[in-house]
Protein backbone atom coordinates (compact mmCIF):
# COMPACT_ATOMS: atom_id res chain seq x y z
CA UNK A 1 0.00 0.00 0.00
CA UNK A 2 2.81 2.40 0.85
CA UNK A 3 4.48 1.69 -2.48
CA UNK A 4 1.24 2.44 -4.32
CA UNK A 5 0.80 5.75 -2.49
CA UNK A 6 4.42 6.66 -3.17
CA UNK A 7 4.03 5.90 -6.87
CA UNK A 8 0.82 7.96 -7.11
CA UNK A 9 2.40 10.97 -5.36
CA UNK A 10 5.54 10.80 -7.51
CA UNK A 11 3.46 10.60 -10.68
CA UNK A 12 1.16 13.44 -9.62
CA UNK A 13 4.08 15.71 -8.80
CA UNK A 14 5.46 15.14 -12.30
CA UNK A 15 2.35 16.46 -14.07
CA UNK A 16 2.50 20.15 -14.92
CA UNK A 17 -0.43 22.53 -15.30
CA UNK A 18 0.43 22.75 -19.01
CA UNK A 19 -0.03 18.98 -19.29
CA UNK A 20 -3.39 19.21 -17.57
CA UNK A 21 -4.58 22.07 -19.77
CA UNK A 22 -3.60 20.23 -22.94
CA UNK A 23 -5.34 17.07 -21.70
CA UNK A 24 -8.56 18.95 -21.01
CA UNK A 25 -8.45 20.61 -24.44
CA UNK A 26 -7.98 17.28 -26.24
CA UNK A 27 -11.61 16.17 -25.97
CA UNK A 28 -11.28 13.54 -28.69
CA UNK A 29 -8.56 11.67 -26.82
CA UNK A 30 -10.49 11.86 -23.55
CA UNK A 31 -13.67 10.64 -25.24
CA UNK A 32 -11.91 7.67 -26.86
CA UNK A 33 -10.18 6.86 -23.58
CA UNK A 34 -13.43 6.92 -21.61
CA UNK A 35 -15.28 4.96 -24.27
CA UNK A 36 -12.62 2.25 -24.36
CA UNK A 37 -12.32 1.93 -20.58
CA UNK A 38 -15.95 2.21 -19.55
CA UNK A 39 -17.91 0.82 -22.52
CA UNK A 40 -15.73 -1.47 -24.63
CA UNK A 41 -13.90 -3.30 -21.81
CA UNK A 42 -17.08 -4.04 -19.79
CA UNK A 43 -18.88 -5.11 -22.99
CA UNK A 44 -16.08 -7.54 -23.82
CA UNK A 45 -16.20 -8.78 -20.22
CA UNK A 46 -19.93 -9.43 -20.44
CA UNK A 47 -19.50 -11.19 -23.77
CA UNK A 48 -16.83 -13.45 -22.27
CA UNK A 49 -19.08 -14.24 -19.31
CA UNK A 50 -21.87 -15.30 -21.65
CA UNK A 51 -19.46 -17.25 -23.82
CA UNK A 52 -18.00 -19.24 -20.93
CA UNK A 53 -21.22 -19.36 -18.86
CA UNK A 54 -19.46 -18.32 -15.65
CA UNK A 55 -20.91 -18.96 -12.21
CA UNK A 56 -22.54 -15.93 -10.55
CA UNK A 57 -19.74 -15.25 -8.05
CA UNK A 58 -17.10 -15.48 -10.76
CA UNK A 59 -19.18 -13.18 -12.94
CA UNK A 60 -19.42 -10.54 -10.20
CA UNK A 61 -15.66 -10.55 -9.65
CA UNK A 62 -14.95 -10.47 -13.36
CA UNK A 63 -17.31 -7.52 -13.90
CA UNK A 64 -15.78 -5.59 -11.00
CA UNK A 65 -12.37 -5.96 -12.58
CA UNK A 66 -13.75 -5.02 -16.00
CA UNK A 67 -15.34 -1.75 -14.83
CA UNK A 68 -12.37 -0.69 -12.66
CA UNK A 69 -9.50 -0.97 -15.14
CA UNK A 70 -6.52 -0.64 -12.83
CA UNK A 71 -7.18 2.91 -11.67
CA UNK A 72 -4.61 2.91 -8.86
CA UNK A 73 -1.88 1.39 -11.00
CA UNK A 74 -2.51 3.27 -14.23
CA UNK A 75 -0.62 6.57 -13.63
CA UNK A 76 2.73 4.94 -12.80
CA UNK A 77 2.38 2.56 -15.75
CA UNK A 78 1.47 5.42 -18.09
CA UNK A 79 4.51 7.36 -16.87
CA UNK A 80 6.81 4.36 -17.41
CA UNK A 81 5.42 4.00 -20.94
CA UNK A 82 6.13 7.72 -21.52
CA UNK A 83 2.42 8.33 -22.12
CA UNK A 84 0.30 11.36 -21.30
CA UNK A 85 -0.21 11.07 -17.53
CA UNK A 86 -2.39 14.17 -17.47
CA UNK A 87 -4.95 12.61 -19.82
CA UNK A 88 -5.05 9.41 -17.82
CA UNK A 89 -5.31 11.26 -14.50
CA UNK A 90 -8.04 13.53 -15.81
CA UNK A 91 -10.06 10.50 -16.89
CA UNK A 92 -9.92 8.88 -13.45
CA UNK A 93 -10.79 12.10 -11.61
CA UNK A 94 -13.67 12.91 -13.97
CA UNK A 95 -15.27 9.51 -13.72
CA UNK A 96 -14.83 9.15 -9.97
CA UNK A 97 -16.31 12.58 -9.20
C-alpha atoms as a PDB file:
ATOM      1  CA  UNK A   1       0.000   0.000   0.000  1.00  0.00           C
ATOM      2  CA  UNK A   2       2.814   2.395   0.854  1.00  0.00           C
ATOM      3  CA  UNK A   3       4.481   1.690  -2.476  1.00  0.00           C
ATOM      4  CA  UNK A   4       1.244   2.443  -4.319  1.00  0.00           C
ATOM      5  CA  UNK A   5       0.798   5.746  -2.491  1.00  0.00           C
ATOM      6  CA  UNK A   6       4.422   6.656  -3.171  1.00  0.00           C
ATOM      7  CA  UNK A   7       4.028   5.898  -6.868  1.00  0.00           C
ATOM      8  CA  UNK A   8       0.824   7.961  -7.107  1.00  0.00           C
ATOM      9  CA  UNK A   9       2.401  10.974  -5.362  1.00  0.00           C
ATOM     10  CA  UNK A  10       5.537  10.801  -7.509  1.00  0.00           C
ATOM     11  CA  UNK A  11       3.458  10.602 -10.679  1.00  0.00           C
ATOM     12  CA  UNK A  12       1.165  13.444  -9.619  1.00  0.00           C
ATOM     13  CA  UNK A  13       4.078  15.710  -8.802  1.00  0.00           C
ATOM     14  CA  UNK A  14       5.457  15.138 -12.295  1.00  0.00           C
ATOM     15  CA  UNK A  15       2.346  16.461 -14.067  1.00  0.00           C
ATOM     16  CA  UNK A  16       2.497  20.150 -14.923  1.00  0.00           C
ATOM     17  CA  UNK A  17      -0.426  22.533 -15.304  1.00  0.00           C
ATOM     18  CA  UNK A  18       0.427  22.755 -19.010  1.00  0.00           C
ATOM     19  CA  UNK A  19      -0.026  18.978 -19.289  1.00  0.00           C
ATOM     20  CA  UNK A  20      -3.395  19.212 -17.569  1.00  0.00           C
ATOM     21  CA  UNK A  21      -4.579  22.068 -19.774  1.00  0.00           C
ATOM     22  CA  UNK A  22      -3.602  20.229 -22.940  1.00  0.00           C
ATOM     23  CA  UNK A  23      -5.339  17.066 -21.704  1.00  0.00           C
ATOM     24  CA  UNK A  24      -8.557  18.954 -21.007  1.00  0.00           C
ATOM     25  CA  UNK A  25      -8.455  20.606 -24.435  1.00  0.00           C
ATOM     26  CA  UNK A  26      -7.982  17.284 -26.235  1.00  0.00           C
ATOM     27  CA  UNK A  27     -11.613  16.170 -25.968  1.00  0.00           C
ATOM     28  CA  UNK A  28     -11.278  13.536 -28.692  1.00  0.00           C
ATOM     29  CA  UNK A  29      -8.563  11.665 -26.821  1.00  0.00           C
ATOM     30  CA  UNK A  30     -10.492  11.863 -23.548  1.00  0.00           C
ATOM     31  CA  UNK A  31     -13.667  10.640 -25.244  1.00  0.00           C
ATOM     32  CA  UNK A  32     -11.915   7.671 -26.857  1.00  0.00           C
ATOM     33  CA  UNK A  33     -10.185   6.862 -23.581  1.00  0.00           C
ATOM     34  CA  UNK A  34     -13.428   6.919 -21.605  1.00  0.00           C
ATOM     35  CA  UNK A  35     -15.275   4.957 -24.268  1.00  0.00           C
ATOM     36  CA  UNK A  36     -12.620   2.252 -24.359  1.00  0.00           C
ATOM     37  CA  UNK A  37     -12.323   1.928 -20.578  1.00  0.00           C
ATOM     38  CA  UNK A  38     -15.955   2.208 -19.553  1.00  0.00           C
ATOM     39  CA  UNK A  39     -17.913   0.818 -22.522  1.00  0.00           C
ATOM     40  CA  UNK A  40     -15.731  -1.467 -24.631  1.00  0.00           C
ATOM     41  CA  UNK A  41     -13.899  -3.300 -21.814  1.00  0.00           C
ATOM     42  CA  UNK A  42     -17.084  -4.038 -19.790  1.00  0.00           C
ATOM     43  CA  UNK A  43     -18.885  -5.105 -22.986  1.00  0.00           C
ATOM     44  CA  UNK A  44     -16.084  -7.535 -23.825  1.00  0.00           C
ATOM     45  CA  UNK A  45     -16.198  -8.778 -20.225  1.00  0.00           C
ATOM     46  CA  UNK A  46     -19.934  -9.432 -20.440  1.00  0.00           C
ATOM     47  CA  UNK A  47     -19.499 -11.189 -23.773  1.00  0.00           C
ATOM     48  CA  UNK A  48     -16.835 -13.448 -22.267  1.00  0.00           C
ATOM     49  CA  UNK A  49     -19.085 -14.239 -19.308  1.00  0.00           C
ATOM     50  CA  UNK A  50     -21.872 -15.302 -21.652  1.00  0.00           C
ATOM     51  CA  UNK A  51     -19.458 -17.250 -23.820  1.00  0.00           C
ATOM     52  CA  UNK A  52     -17.995 -19.242 -20.929  1.00  0.00           C
ATOM     53  CA  UNK A  53     -21.216 -19.365 -18.857  1.00  0.00           C
ATOM     54  CA  UNK A  54     -19.462 -18.318 -15.654  1.00  0.00           C
ATOM     55  CA  UNK A  55     -20.905 -18.960 -12.207  1.00  0.00           C
ATOM     56  CA  UNK A  56     -22.536 -15.926 -10.550  1.00  0.00           C
ATOM     57  CA  UNK A  57     -19.741 -15.246  -8.046  1.00  0.00           C
ATOM     58  CA  UNK A  58     -17.102 -15.484 -10.756  1.00  0.00           C
ATOM     59  CA  UNK A  59     -19.185 -13.183 -12.944  1.00  0.00           C
ATOM     60  CA  UNK A  60     -19.415 -10.540 -10.203  1.00  0.00           C
ATOM     61  CA  UNK A  61     -15.660 -10.555  -9.646  1.00  0.00           C
ATOM     62  CA  UNK A  62     -14.954 -10.471 -13.361  1.00  0.00           C
ATOM     63  CA  UNK A  63     -17.307  -7.520 -13.900  1.00  0.00           C
ATOM     64  CA  UNK A  64     -15.777  -5.591 -10.998  1.00  0.00           C
ATOM     65  CA  UNK A  65     -12.370  -5.958 -12.576  1.00  0.00           C
ATOM     66  CA  UNK A  66     -13.748  -5.020 -16.003  1.00  0.00           C
ATOM     67  CA  UNK A  67     -15.336  -1.754 -14.829  1.00  0.00           C
ATOM     68  CA  UNK A  68     -12.368  -0.687 -12.659  1.00  0.00           C
ATOM     69  CA  UNK A  69      -9.499  -0.967 -15.139  1.00  0.00           C
ATOM     70  CA  UNK A  70      -6.519  -0.638 -12.826  1.00  0.00           C
ATOM     71  CA  UNK A  71      -7.178   2.910 -11.669  1.00  0.00           C
ATOM     72  CA  UNK A  72      -4.613   2.911  -8.858  1.00  0.00           C
ATOM     73  CA  UNK A  73      -1.883   1.392 -11.001  1.00  0.00           C
ATOM     74  CA  UNK A  74      -2.507   3.270 -14.233  1.00  0.00           C
ATOM     75  CA  UNK A  75      -0.619   6.567 -13.631  1.00  0.00           C
ATOM     76  CA  UNK A  76       2.727   4.942 -12.799  1.00  0.00           C
ATOM     77  CA  UNK A  77       2.385   2.560 -15.745  1.00  0.00           C
ATOM     78  CA  UNK A  78       1.469   5.421 -18.094  1.00  0.00           C
ATOM     79  CA  UNK A  79       4.510   7.364 -16.866  1.00  0.00           C
ATOM     80  CA  UNK A  80       6.811   4.363 -17.409  1.00  0.00           C
ATOM     81  CA  UNK A  81       5.419   4.001 -20.937  1.00  0.00           C
ATOM     82  CA  UNK A  82       6.128   7.715 -21.519  1.00  0.00           C
ATOM     83  CA  UNK A  83       2.416   8.329 -22.122  1.00  0.00           C
ATOM     84  CA  UNK A  84       0.300  11.357 -21.296  1.00  0.00           C
ATOM     85  CA  UNK A  85      -0.207  11.073 -17.533  1.00  0.00           C
ATOM     86  CA  UNK A  86      -2.387  14.174 -17.469  1.00  0.00           C
ATOM     87  CA  UNK A  87      -4.955  12.608 -19.821  1.00  0.00           C
ATOM     88  CA  UNK A  88      -5.050   9.406 -17.822  1.00  0.00           C
ATOM     89  CA  UNK A  89      -5.315  11.256 -14.502  1.00  0.00           C
ATOM     90  CA  UNK A  90      -8.041  13.535 -15.805  1.00  0.00           C
ATOM     91  CA  UNK A  91     -10.056  10.504 -16.893  1.00  0.00           C
ATOM     92  CA  UNK A  92      -9.923   8.884 -13.449  1.00  0.00           C
ATOM     93  CA  UNK A  93     -10.791  12.095 -11.610  1.00  0.00           C
ATOM     94  CA  UNK A  94     -13.670  12.912 -13.969  1.00  0.00           C
ATOM     95  CA  UNK A  95     -15.271   9.505 -13.717  1.00  0.00           C
ATOM     96  CA  UNK A  96     -14.833   9.155  -9.966  1.00  0.00           C
ATOM     97  CA  UNK A  97     -16.310  12.582  -9.196  1.00  0.00           C
END
